[in-house]
C-alpha atoms as a PDB file:
ATOM      1  CA  UNK A   1     219.430 -69.850 -50.706  1.00  0.00           C
ATOM      2  CA  UNK A   2     222.657 -71.837 -50.641  1.00  0.00           C
ATOM      3  CA  UNK A   3     222.810 -75.274 -49.088  1.00  0.00           C
ATOM      4  CA  UNK A   4     225.604 -76.720 -46.933  1.00  0.00           C
ATOM      5  CA  UNK A   5     227.558 -78.164 -49.863  1.00  0.00           C
ATOM      6  CA  UNK A   6     227.529 -74.799 -51.679  1.00  0.00           C
ATOM      7  CA  UNK A   7     229.364 -73.212 -48.740  1.00  0.00           C
ATOM      8  CA  UNK A   8     231.285 -75.975 -46.975  1.00  0.00           C
ATOM      9  CA  UNK A   9     233.837 -77.792 -49.140  1.00  0.00           C
ATOM     10  CA  UNK A  10     235.931 -79.375 -46.375  1.00  0.00           C
ATOM     11  CA  UNK A  11     235.818 -83.203 -46.545  1.00  0.00           C
ATOM     12  CA  UNK A  12     236.989 -83.923 -42.985  1.00  0.00           C
ATOM     13  CA  UNK A  13     235.819 -82.447 -39.679  1.00  0.00           C
ATOM     14  CA  UNK A  14     236.745 -82.757 -36.051  1.00  0.00           C
ATOM     15  CA  UNK A  15     233.835 -83.259 -33.622  1.00  0.00           C
ATOM     16  CA  UNK A  16     234.343 -82.164 -30.002  1.00  0.00           C
ATOM     17  CA  UNK A  17     231.752 -82.721 -27.277  1.00  0.00           C
ATOM     18  CA  UNK A  18     232.619 -80.454 -24.363  1.00  0.00           C
ATOM     19  CA  UNK A  19     229.082 -80.415 -22.967  1.00  0.00           C
ATOM     20  CA  UNK A  20     230.029 -82.485 -19.906  1.00  0.00           C
ATOM     21  CA  UNK A  21     233.576 -81.230 -19.331  1.00  0.00           C
ATOM     22  CA  UNK A  22     234.485 -80.201 -15.778  1.00  0.00           C
ATOM     23  CA  UNK A  23     237.432 -78.029 -16.750  1.00  0.00           C
ATOM     24  CA  UNK A  24     239.925 -77.307 -19.502  1.00  0.00           C
ATOM     25  CA  UNK A  25     243.573 -76.707 -18.625  1.00  0.00           C
ATOM     26  CA  UNK A  26     242.691 -76.318 -14.930  1.00  0.00           C
ATOM     27  CA  UNK A  27     240.159 -73.554 -15.722  1.00  0.00           C
ATOM     28  CA  UNK A  28     236.588 -73.841 -14.472  1.00  0.00           C
ATOM     29  CA  UNK A  29     234.094 -74.955 -17.096  1.00  0.00           C
ATOM     30  CA  UNK A  30     232.272 -71.647 -17.521  1.00  0.00           C
ATOM     31  CA  UNK A  31     231.089 -69.740 -20.576  1.00  0.00           C
ATOM     32  CA  UNK A  32     234.289 -67.689 -20.305  1.00  0.00           C
ATOM     33  CA  UNK A  33     236.230 -70.900 -20.950  1.00  0.00           C
ATOM     34  CA  UNK A  34     234.000 -71.816 -23.881  1.00  0.00           C
ATOM     35  CA  UNK A  35     234.526 -68.546 -25.718  1.00  0.00           C
ATOM     36  CA  UNK A  36     238.275 -68.779 -25.091  1.00  0.00           C
ATOM     37  CA  UNK A  37     238.294 -72.367 -26.388  1.00  0.00           C
ATOM     38  CA  UNK A  38     236.480 -71.332 -29.559  1.00  0.00           C
ATOM     39  CA  UNK A  39     239.022 -68.558 -30.124  1.00  0.00           C
ATOM     40  CA  UNK A  40     241.875 -71.034 -29.648  1.00  0.00           C
ATOM     41  CA  UNK A  41     240.391 -73.543 -32.075  1.00  0.00           C
ATOM     42  CA  UNK A  42     239.581 -70.806 -34.600  1.00  0.00           C
ATOM     43  CA  UNK A  43     243.189 -69.620 -34.478  1.00  0.00           C
ATOM     44  CA  UNK A  44     244.521 -73.147 -35.020  1.00  0.00           C
ATOM     45  CA  UNK A  45     242.047 -73.829 -37.823  1.00  0.00           C
ATOM     46  CA  UNK A  46     242.969 -70.522 -39.466  1.00  0.00           C
ATOM     47  CA  UNK A  47     246.664 -71.403 -39.283  1.00  0.00           C
ATOM     48  CA  UNK A  48     246.042 -74.827 -40.794  1.00  0.00           C
ATOM     49  CA  UNK A  49     247.098 -76.603 -37.601  1.00  0.00           C
ATOM     50  CA  UNK A  50     243.698 -78.125 -36.869  1.00  0.00           C
ATOM     51  CA  UNK A  51     240.795 -79.483 -38.855  1.00  0.00           C
ATOM     52  CA  UNK A  52     237.536 -77.589 -39.310  1.00  0.00           C
ATOM     53  CA  UNK A  53     235.608 -78.315 -36.129  1.00  0.00           C
ATOM     54  CA  UNK A  54     232.129 -78.725 -34.752  1.00  0.00           C
ATOM     55  CA  UNK A  55     232.103 -78.255 -30.988  1.00  0.00           C
ATOM     56  CA  UNK A  56     229.258 -78.784 -28.493  1.00  0.00           C
ATOM     57  CA  UNK A  57     228.994 -77.030 -25.135  1.00  0.00           C
ATOM     58  CA  UNK A  58     226.470 -76.554 -22.317  1.00  0.00           C
ATOM     59  CA  UNK A  59     226.552 -74.271 -19.258  1.00  0.00           C
ATOM     60  CA  UNK A  60     224.088 -74.179 -16.353  1.00  0.00           C
ATOM     61  CA  UNK A  61     222.213 -70.984 -15.375  1.00  0.00           C
ATOM     62  CA  UNK A  62     224.260 -68.439 -17.295  1.00  0.00           C
ATOM     63  CA  UNK A  63     223.265 -65.137 -18.871  1.00  0.00           C
ATOM     64  CA  UNK A  64     225.688 -64.291 -21.665  1.00  0.00           C
ATOM     65  CA  UNK A  65     225.662 -60.576 -22.455  1.00  0.00           C
ATOM     66  CA  UNK A  66     226.723 -58.997 -25.719  1.00  0.00           C
ATOM     67  CA  UNK A  67     229.236 -56.183 -25.908  1.00  0.00           C
ATOM     68  CA  UNK A  68     226.493 -53.497 -26.221  1.00  0.00           C
ATOM     69  CA  UNK A  69     224.878 -54.811 -23.015  1.00  0.00           C
ATOM     70  CA  UNK A  70     228.010 -53.723 -21.171  1.00  0.00           C
ATOM     71  CA  UNK A  71     226.967 -50.120 -21.866  1.00  0.00           C
ATOM     72  CA  UNK A  72     223.499 -50.367 -20.335  1.00  0.00           C
ATOM     73  CA  UNK A  73     222.832 -47.402 -18.015  1.00  0.00           C
ATOM     74  CA  UNK A  74     221.864 -49.540 -14.999  1.00  0.00           C
ATOM     75  CA  UNK A  75     224.052 -52.547 -15.713  1.00  0.00           C
ATOM     76  CA  UNK A  76     225.146 -52.947 -12.104  1.00  0.00           C
ATOM     77  CA  UNK A  77     221.588 -53.324 -10.826  1.00  0.00           C
ATOM     78  CA  UNK A  78     220.675 -55.755 -13.608  1.00  0.00           C
ATOM     79  CA  UNK A  79     223.681 -58.013 -13.005  1.00  0.00           C
ATOM     80  CA  UNK A  80     223.090 -58.013  -9.255  1.00  0.00           C
ATOM     81  CA  UNK A  81     219.467 -59.067  -9.803  1.00  0.00           C
ATOM     82  CA  UNK A  82     220.603 -62.009 -11.927  1.00  0.00           C
ATOM     83  CA  UNK A  83     223.260 -62.985  -9.393  1.00  0.00           C
ATOM     84  CA  UNK A  84     220.649 -63.000  -6.634  1.00  0.00           C
ATOM     85  CA  UNK A  85     218.691 -65.509  -8.717  1.00  0.00           C
ATOM     86  CA  UNK A  86     221.783 -67.730  -9.005  1.00  0.00           C
ATOM     87  CA  UNK A  87     222.710 -66.841 -12.559  1.00  0.00           C
ATOM     88  CA  UNK A  88     226.332 -66.460 -13.624  1.00  0.00           C
ATOM     89  CA  UNK A  89     226.775 -63.441 -15.905  1.00  0.00           C
ATOM     90  CA  UNK A  90     229.506 -62.845 -18.488  1.00  0.00           C
ATOM     91  CA  UNK A  91     230.111 -60.596 -21.492  1.00  0.00           C
ATOM     92  CA  UNK A  92     231.152 -62.559 -24.583  1.00  0.00           C
ATOM     93  CA  UNK A  93     233.539 -61.492 -27.332  1.00  0.00           C
ATOM     94  CA  UNK A  94     231.220 -62.212 -30.273  1.00  0.00           C
ATOM     95  CA  UNK A  95     228.236 -60.367 -31.668  1.00  0.00           C
ATOM     96  CA  UNK A  96     224.695 -60.175 -30.392  1.00  0.00           C
ATOM     97  CA  UNK A  97     222.936 -59.354 -27.132  1.00  0.00           C
ATOM     98  CA  UNK A  98     221.887 -61.171 -23.966  1.00  0.00           C
ATOM     99  CA  UNK A  99     220.964 -64.860 -24.140  1.00  0.00           C
ATOM    100  CA  UNK A 100     220.018 -67.328 -21.424  1.00  0.00           C
ATOM    101  CA  UNK A 101     221.818 -70.661 -21.080  1.00  0.00           C
ATOM    102  CA  UNK A 102     221.097 -73.630 -18.856  1.00  0.00           C
ATOM    103  CA  UNK A 103     221.241 -77.417 -19.029  1.00  0.00           C
ATOM    104  CA  UNK A 104     218.387 -77.472 -21.541  1.00  0.00           C
ATOM    105  CA  UNK A 105     220.248 -75.283 -24.050  1.00  0.00           C
ATOM    106  CA  UNK A 106     222.799 -76.796 -26.419  1.00  0.00           C
ATOM    107  CA  UNK A 107     225.458 -74.560 -27.957  1.00  0.00           C
ATOM    108  CA  UNK A 108     227.110 -75.581 -31.209  1.00  0.00           C
ATOM    109  CA  UNK A 109     230.198 -73.910 -32.667  1.00  0.00           C
ATOM    110  CA  UNK A 110     231.009 -74.435 -36.344  1.00  0.00           C
ATOM    111  CA  UNK A 111     234.645 -73.401 -36.823  1.00  0.00           C
ATOM    112  CA  UNK A 112     235.914 -72.902 -40.367  1.00  0.00           C
ATOM    113  CA  UNK A 113     239.167 -71.812 -42.065  1.00  0.00           C
ATOM    114  CA  UNK A 114     239.689 -69.540 -45.080  1.00  0.00           C
ATOM    115  CA  UNK A 115     236.576 -67.467 -44.481  1.00  0.00           C
ATOM    116  CA  UNK A 116     238.020 -64.522 -46.404  1.00  0.00           C
ATOM    117  CA  UNK A 117     236.476 -66.386 -49.357  1.00  0.00           C
ATOM    118  CA  UNK A 118     233.133 -66.921 -47.554  1.00  0.00           C
ATOM    119  CA  UNK A 119     230.793 -64.044 -46.738  1.00  0.00           C
ATOM    120  CA  UNK A 120     229.465 -63.477 -43.224  1.00  0.00           C
ATOM    121  CA  UNK A 121     225.975 -64.244 -44.529  1.00  0.00           C
ATOM    122  CA  UNK A 122     227.088 -67.530 -46.084  1.00  0.00           C
ATOM    123  CA  UNK A 123     228.617 -68.596 -42.773  1.00  0.00           C
ATOM    124  CA  UNK A 124     225.267 -67.939 -41.098  1.00  0.00           C
ATOM    125  CA  UNK A 125     223.518 -69.842 -43.887  1.00  0.00           C
ATOM    126  CA  UNK A 126     225.795 -72.832 -43.287  1.00  0.00           C
ATOM    127  CA  UNK A 127     224.668 -73.045 -39.659  1.00  0.00           C
ATOM    128  CA  UNK A 128     221.017 -72.638 -40.646  1.00  0.00           C
ATOM    129  CA  UNK A 129     221.353 -75.496 -43.133  1.00  0.00           C
ATOM    130  CA  UNK A 130     223.124 -77.666 -40.544  1.00  0.00           C
ATOM    131  CA  UNK A 131     220.283 -77.261 -38.033  1.00  0.00           C
ATOM    132  CA  UNK A 132     217.629 -77.841 -40.681  1.00  0.00           C
ATOM    133  CA  UNK A 133     219.464 -81.007 -41.755  1.00  0.00           C
ATOM    134  CA  UNK A 134     219.700 -82.223 -38.145  1.00  0.00           C
ATOM    135  CA  UNK A 135     215.935 -81.979 -37.755  1.00  0.00           C
ATOM    136  CA  UNK A 136     214.810 -82.813 -41.288  1.00  0.00           C
ATOM    137  CA  UNK A 137     213.110 -86.048 -40.212  1.00  0.00           C
ATOM    138  CA  UNK A 138     210.800 -84.251 -37.759  1.00  0.00           C
ATOM    139  CA  UNK A 139     210.139 -80.844 -39.359  1.00  0.00           C
ATOM    140  CA  UNK A 140     210.524 -78.832 -42.526  1.00  0.00           C
ATOM    141  CA  UNK A 141     209.126 -75.678 -40.906  1.00  0.00           C
ATOM    142  CA  UNK A 142     212.344 -74.102 -39.576  1.00  0.00           C
ATOM    143  CA  UNK A 143     212.723 -70.549 -40.878  1.00  0.00           C
ATOM    144  CA  UNK A 144     215.473 -67.942 -40.528  1.00  0.00           C
ATOM    145  CA  UNK A 145     214.410 -64.309 -40.055  1.00  0.00           C
ATOM    146  CA  UNK A 146     214.312 -61.790 -37.209  1.00  0.00           C
ATOM    147  CA  UNK A 147     211.738 -62.527 -34.525  1.00  0.00           C
ATOM    148  CA  UNK A 148     210.801 -59.141 -33.108  1.00  0.00           C
ATOM    149  CA  UNK A 149     210.206 -59.462 -29.368  1.00  0.00           C
ATOM    150  CA  UNK A 150     212.763 -62.241 -28.902  1.00  0.00           C
ATOM    151  CA  UNK A 151     215.963 -61.752 -26.967  1.00  0.00           C
ATOM    152  CA  UNK A 152     219.136 -61.288 -29.012  1.00  0.00           C
ATOM    153  CA  UNK A 153     217.123 -60.664 -32.198  1.00  0.00           C
ATOM    154  CA  UNK A 154     218.809 -60.936 -35.577  1.00  0.00           C
ATOM    155  CA  UNK A 155     218.300 -61.789 -39.237  1.00  0.00           C
ATOM    156  CA  UNK A 156     219.219 -65.408 -38.570  1.00  0.00           C
ATOM    157  CA  UNK A 157     216.881 -66.175 -35.680  1.00  0.00           C
ATOM    158  CA  UNK A 158     215.599 -69.725 -36.118  1.00  0.00           C
ATOM    159  CA  UNK A 159     211.903 -70.215 -35.511  1.00  0.00           C
ATOM    160  CA  UNK A 160     208.915 -72.428 -36.133  1.00  0.00           C
ATOM    161  CA  UNK A 161     205.543 -70.761 -36.512  1.00  0.00           C
ATOM    162  CA  UNK A 162     206.954 -67.378 -35.528  1.00  0.00           C
ATOM    163  CA  UNK A 163     208.411 -68.531 -32.205  1.00  0.00           C
ATOM    164  CA  UNK A 164     212.183 -68.473 -31.799  1.00  0.00           C
ATOM    165  CA  UNK A 165     214.201 -71.412 -30.512  1.00  0.00           C
ATOM    166  CA  UNK A 166     217.742 -70.478 -31.614  1.00  0.00           C
ATOM    167  CA  UNK A 167     220.028 -67.552 -32.339  1.00  0.00           C
ATOM    168  CA  UNK A 168     223.343 -67.363 -34.172  1.00  0.00           C
ATOM    169  CA  UNK A 169     226.417 -65.184 -33.677  1.00  0.00           C
ATOM    170  CA  UNK A 170     229.737 -65.152 -35.460  1.00  0.00           C
ATOM    171  CA  UNK A 171     233.293 -64.293 -34.495  1.00  0.00           C
ATOM    172  CA  UNK A 172     236.195 -64.079 -36.937  1.00  0.00           C
ATOM    173  CA  UNK A 173     239.787 -64.585 -35.820  1.00  0.00           C
ATOM    174  CA  UNK A 174     242.539 -64.215 -38.430  1.00  0.00           C
ATOM    175  CA  UNK A 175     241.243 -66.194 -41.441  1.00  0.00           C
ATOM    176  CA  UNK A 176     238.945 -68.400 -39.382  1.00  0.00           C
ATOM    177  CA  UNK A 177     235.380 -68.033 -38.149  1.00  0.00           C
ATOM    178  CA  UNK A 178     233.426 -69.491 -35.249  1.00  0.00           C
ATOM    179  CA  UNK A 179     229.715 -69.563 -36.040  1.00  0.00           C
ATOM    180  CA  UNK A 180     228.002 -70.116 -32.698  1.00  0.00           C
ATOM    181  CA  UNK A 181     224.366 -71.079 -32.159  1.00  0.00           C
ATOM    182  CA  UNK A 182     222.351 -71.691 -29.030  1.00  0.00           C
ATOM    183  CA  UNK A 183     219.530 -74.232 -29.401  1.00  0.00           C
ATOM    184  CA  UNK A 184     216.724 -74.006 -26.864  1.00  0.00           C
ATOM    185  CA  UNK A 185     216.057 -77.747 -26.757  1.00  0.00           C
ATOM    186  CA  UNK A 186     214.135 -78.517 -23.574  1.00  0.00           C
ATOM    187  CA  UNK A 187     212.902 -76.906 -20.374  1.00  0.00           C
ATOM    188  CA  UNK A 188     211.016 -73.661 -19.848  1.00  0.00           C
ATOM    189  CA  UNK A 189     211.891 -71.322 -22.714  1.00  0.00           C
ATOM    190  CA  UNK A 190     209.483 -68.615 -21.613  1.00  0.00           C
ATOM    191  CA  UNK A 191     211.016 -68.572 -18.138  1.00  0.00           C
ATOM    192  CA  UNK A 192     214.413 -67.985 -19.757  1.00  0.00           C
ATOM    193  CA  UNK A 193     212.904 -65.114 -21.728  1.00  0.00           C
ATOM    194  CA  UNK A 194     211.296 -63.684 -18.575  1.00  0.00           C
ATOM    195  CA  UNK A 195     214.702 -63.664 -16.915  1.00  0.00           C
ATOM    196  CA  UNK A 196     216.263 -61.735 -19.816  1.00  0.00           C
ATOM    197  CA  UNK A 197     213.267 -59.368 -19.871  1.00  0.00           C
ATOM    198  CA  UNK A 198     213.701 -58.697 -16.151  1.00  0.00           C
ATOM    199  CA  UNK A 199     217.360 -57.933 -16.777  1.00  0.00           C
ATOM    200  CA  UNK A 200     216.551 -55.328 -19.436  1.00  0.00           C
ATOM    201  CA  UNK A 201     213.698 -53.914 -17.351  1.00  0.00           C
ATOM    202  CA  UNK A 202     216.262 -53.097 -14.680  1.00  0.00           C
ATOM    203  CA  UNK A 203     219.520 -52.537 -16.588  1.00  0.00           C
ATOM    204  CA  UNK A 204     217.965 -50.506 -19.433  1.00  0.00           C
ATOM    205  CA  UNK A 205     214.669 -49.341 -17.904  1.00  0.00           C
ATOM    206  CA  UNK A 206     213.737 -47.742 -21.246  1.00  0.00           C
ATOM    207  CA  UNK A 207     216.344 -45.014 -20.719  1.00  0.00           C
ATOM    208  CA  UNK A 208     217.431 -43.010 -23.754  1.00  0.00           C
ATOM    209  CA  UNK A 209     220.439 -44.780 -25.247  1.00  0.00           C
ATOM    210  CA  UNK A 210     222.320 -44.658 -28.553  1.00  0.00           C
ATOM    211  CA  UNK A 211     221.828 -48.417 -28.958  1.00  0.00           C
ATOM    212  CA  UNK A 212     218.367 -49.940 -29.388  1.00  0.00           C
ATOM    213  CA  UNK A 213     217.892 -52.781 -26.913  1.00  0.00           C
ATOM    214  CA  UNK A 214     215.127 -55.379 -27.385  1.00  0.00           C
ATOM    215  CA  UNK A 215     211.770 -55.228 -25.681  1.00  0.00           C
ATOM    216  CA  UNK A 216     211.479 -58.922 -24.857  1.00  0.00           C
ATOM    217  CA  UNK A 217     208.095 -60.635 -25.259  1.00  0.00           C
ATOM    218  CA  UNK A 218     208.448 -64.071 -23.621  1.00  0.00           C
ATOM    219  CA  UNK A 219     205.639 -65.584 -25.720  1.00  0.00           C
ATOM    220  CA  UNK A 220     207.859 -65.136 -28.803  1.00  0.00           C
ATOM    221  CA  UNK A 221     210.274 -67.769 -27.446  1.00  0.00           C
ATOM    222  CA  UNK A 222     209.822 -71.545 -27.235  1.00  0.00           C
ATOM    223  CA  UNK A 223     211.858 -74.733 -26.923  1.00  0.00           C
ATOM    224  CA  UNK A 224     212.196 -77.252 -29.733  1.00  0.00           C
ATOM    225  CA  UNK A 225     210.418 -79.810 -27.566  1.00  0.00           C
ATOM    226  CA  UNK A 226     207.431 -77.498 -27.268  1.00  0.00           C
ATOM    227  CA  UNK A 227     207.420 -76.449 -30.909  1.00  0.00           C
ATOM    228  CA  UNK A 228     207.698 -80.001 -32.210  1.00  0.00           C
ATOM    229  CA  UNK A 229     205.310 -81.487 -29.654  1.00  0.00           C
ATOM    230  CA  UNK A 230     207.768 -84.242 -28.761  1.00  0.00           C
ATOM    231  CA  UNK A 231     210.234 -85.127 -26.052  1.00  0.00           C
ATOM    232  CA  UNK A 232     213.571 -83.888 -27.304  1.00  0.00           C
ATOM    233  CA  UNK A 233     216.600 -83.663 -25.015  1.00  0.00           C
ATOM    234  CA  UNK A 234     220.032 -82.110 -25.237  1.00  0.00           C
ATOM    235  CA  UNK A 235     221.438 -85.640 -25.451  1.00  0.00           C
ATOM    236  CA  UNK A 236     219.163 -86.301 -28.437  1.00  0.00           C
ATOM    237  CA  UNK A 237     220.410 -83.158 -30.167  1.00  0.00           C
ATOM    238  CA  UNK A 238     224.040 -84.050 -29.507  1.00  0.00           C
ATOM    239  CA  UNK A 239     223.501 -87.366 -31.276  1.00  0.00           C
ATOM    240  CA  UNK A 240     221.701 -85.609 -34.120  1.00  0.00           C
ATOM    241  CA  UNK A 241     224.612 -83.169 -34.509  1.00  0.00           C
ATOM    242  CA  UNK A 242     227.170 -85.983 -34.726  1.00  0.00           C
ATOM    243  CA  UNK A 243     225.014 -87.978 -37.144  1.00  0.00           C
ATOM    244  CA  UNK A 244     224.380 -84.946 -39.373  1.00  0.00           C
ATOM    245  CA  UNK A 245     228.082 -84.123 -39.556  1.00  0.00           C
ATOM    246  CA  UNK A 246     228.936 -87.705 -40.526  1.00  0.00           C
ATOM    247  CA  UNK A 247     226.342 -87.564 -43.303  1.00  0.00           C
ATOM    248  CA  UNK A 248     227.525 -84.184 -44.589  1.00  0.00           C
ATOM    249  CA  UNK A 249     231.274 -85.002 -44.498  1.00  0.00           C
ATOM    250  CA  UNK A 250     233.529 -87.706 -45.858  1.00  0.00           C
ATOM    251  CA  UNK A 251     235.133 -88.309 -42.481  1.00  0.00           C
ATOM    252  CA  UNK A 252     234.648 -87.145 -38.881  1.00  0.00           C
ATOM    253  CA  UNK A 253     237.304 -87.425 -36.172  1.00  0.00           C
ATOM    254  CA  UNK A 254     235.903 -87.537 -32.640  1.00  0.00           C
ATOM    255  CA  UNK A 255     238.044 -86.046 -29.871  1.00  0.00           C
ATOM    256  CA  UNK A 256     237.764 -83.900 -26.754  1.00  0.00           C
ATOM    257  CA  UNK A 257     241.387 -82.841 -26.512  1.00  0.00           C
ATOM    258  CA  UNK A 258     242.863 -79.526 -27.556  1.00  0.00           C
ATOM    259  CA  UNK A 259     246.245 -79.592 -29.256  1.00  0.00           C
ATOM    260  CA  UNK A 260     249.283 -78.067 -27.561  1.00  0.00           C
ATOM    261  CA  UNK A 261     249.038 -75.055 -29.889  1.00  0.00           C
ATOM    262  CA  UNK A 262     245.365 -74.638 -29.032  1.00  0.00           C
ATOM    263  CA  UNK A 263     246.046 -74.907 -25.304  1.00  0.00           C
ATOM    264  CA  UNK A 264     248.671 -72.155 -25.528  1.00  0.00           C
ATOM    265  CA  UNK A 265     246.250 -69.810 -27.305  1.00  0.00           C
ATOM    266  CA  UNK A 266     243.470 -70.819 -24.921  1.00  0.00           C
ATOM    267  CA  UNK A 267     245.485 -69.621 -21.922  1.00  0.00           C
ATOM    268  CA  UNK A 268     245.960 -66.201 -23.541  1.00  0.00           C
ATOM    269  CA  UNK A 269     242.352 -65.877 -24.679  1.00  0.00           C
ATOM    270  CA  UNK A 270     241.054 -67.013 -21.309  1.00  0.00           C
ATOM    271  CA  UNK A 271     243.038 -64.256 -19.616  1.00  0.00           C
ATOM    272  CA  UNK A 272     241.634 -61.723 -22.091  1.00  0.00           C
ATOM    273  CA  UNK A 273     238.107 -62.917 -21.366  1.00  0.00           C
ATOM    274  CA  UNK A 274     238.762 -62.819 -17.627  1.00  0.00           C
ATOM    275  CA  UNK A 275     239.946 -59.216 -17.847  1.00  0.00           C
ATOM    276  CA  UNK A 276     236.968 -58.310 -20.049  1.00  0.00           C
ATOM    277  CA  UNK A 277     234.722 -59.634 -17.295  1.00  0.00           C
ATOM    278  CA  UNK A 278     236.465 -58.216 -14.235  1.00  0.00           C
ATOM    279  CA  UNK A 279     233.810 -55.544 -13.704  1.00  0.00           C
ATOM    280  CA  UNK A 280     230.959 -58.025 -14.175  1.00  0.00           C
ATOM    281  CA  UNK A 281     232.616 -60.513 -11.806  1.00  0.00           C
ATOM    282  CA  UNK A 282     232.899 -57.898  -9.056  1.00  0.00           C
ATOM    283  CA  UNK A 283     229.198 -57.077  -9.361  1.00  0.00           C
ATOM    284  CA  UNK A 284     228.354 -60.714  -8.625  1.00  0.00           C
ATOM    285  CA  UNK A 285     230.406 -61.014  -5.455  1.00  0.00           C
END
């Protein structure tokens, strides 16, 4: 397997912590905003107008659906169930299936230029190596392979002892890529999995479909705190992410602000995401 340096040759990175932001450009700080922000940064990075970027984000009580989830036969009933339990539901514009976010889940976006020279698999490998590096002082047991029974299963599920704590998706815009990972850091991971299972029990209900949806087994999921047997918080992981990036790069520039070019693209991408989610939004009213 390749390590970080085999894939990532950029000497300087921008580090953006949006985990505590209230709003961006007068838009509410929701997962819709986060996916639009990542698109805006990816566009700027692709065009050479911004540095490669690592961005952190957190959203409370949100179920992020994948595009295939939007075709579930009983989607309306599933979304309404989640809304009744005070979950905000959106459909993202990157790959994968439903995941559960809350204040104990840290999302990290690794945004790179010139990915026409980097395979999709290598981009995933870069994120795997980054997470392994972040946690190298406390574990060498992190593996990447599909955890059957987890939600949003994929070849790059991250697990310890066969229990998943993270999943990775990837979105390419022009010549840039946003590799996005959720890290289940603290809190009740099995309760998150139960919520996603309940969603599929209602929205899919084992109906015959062209797409194969996951049969979620909550015991297959766990938080890093549980897996490592230590108190680990989102704040701890944010510090680890910044420290790891400084060690892996020659220079890191810390900022929260989007450039004017990024803000202009953000407005357009936000509107696209809003329109994508009009149906879902109405089901939650």
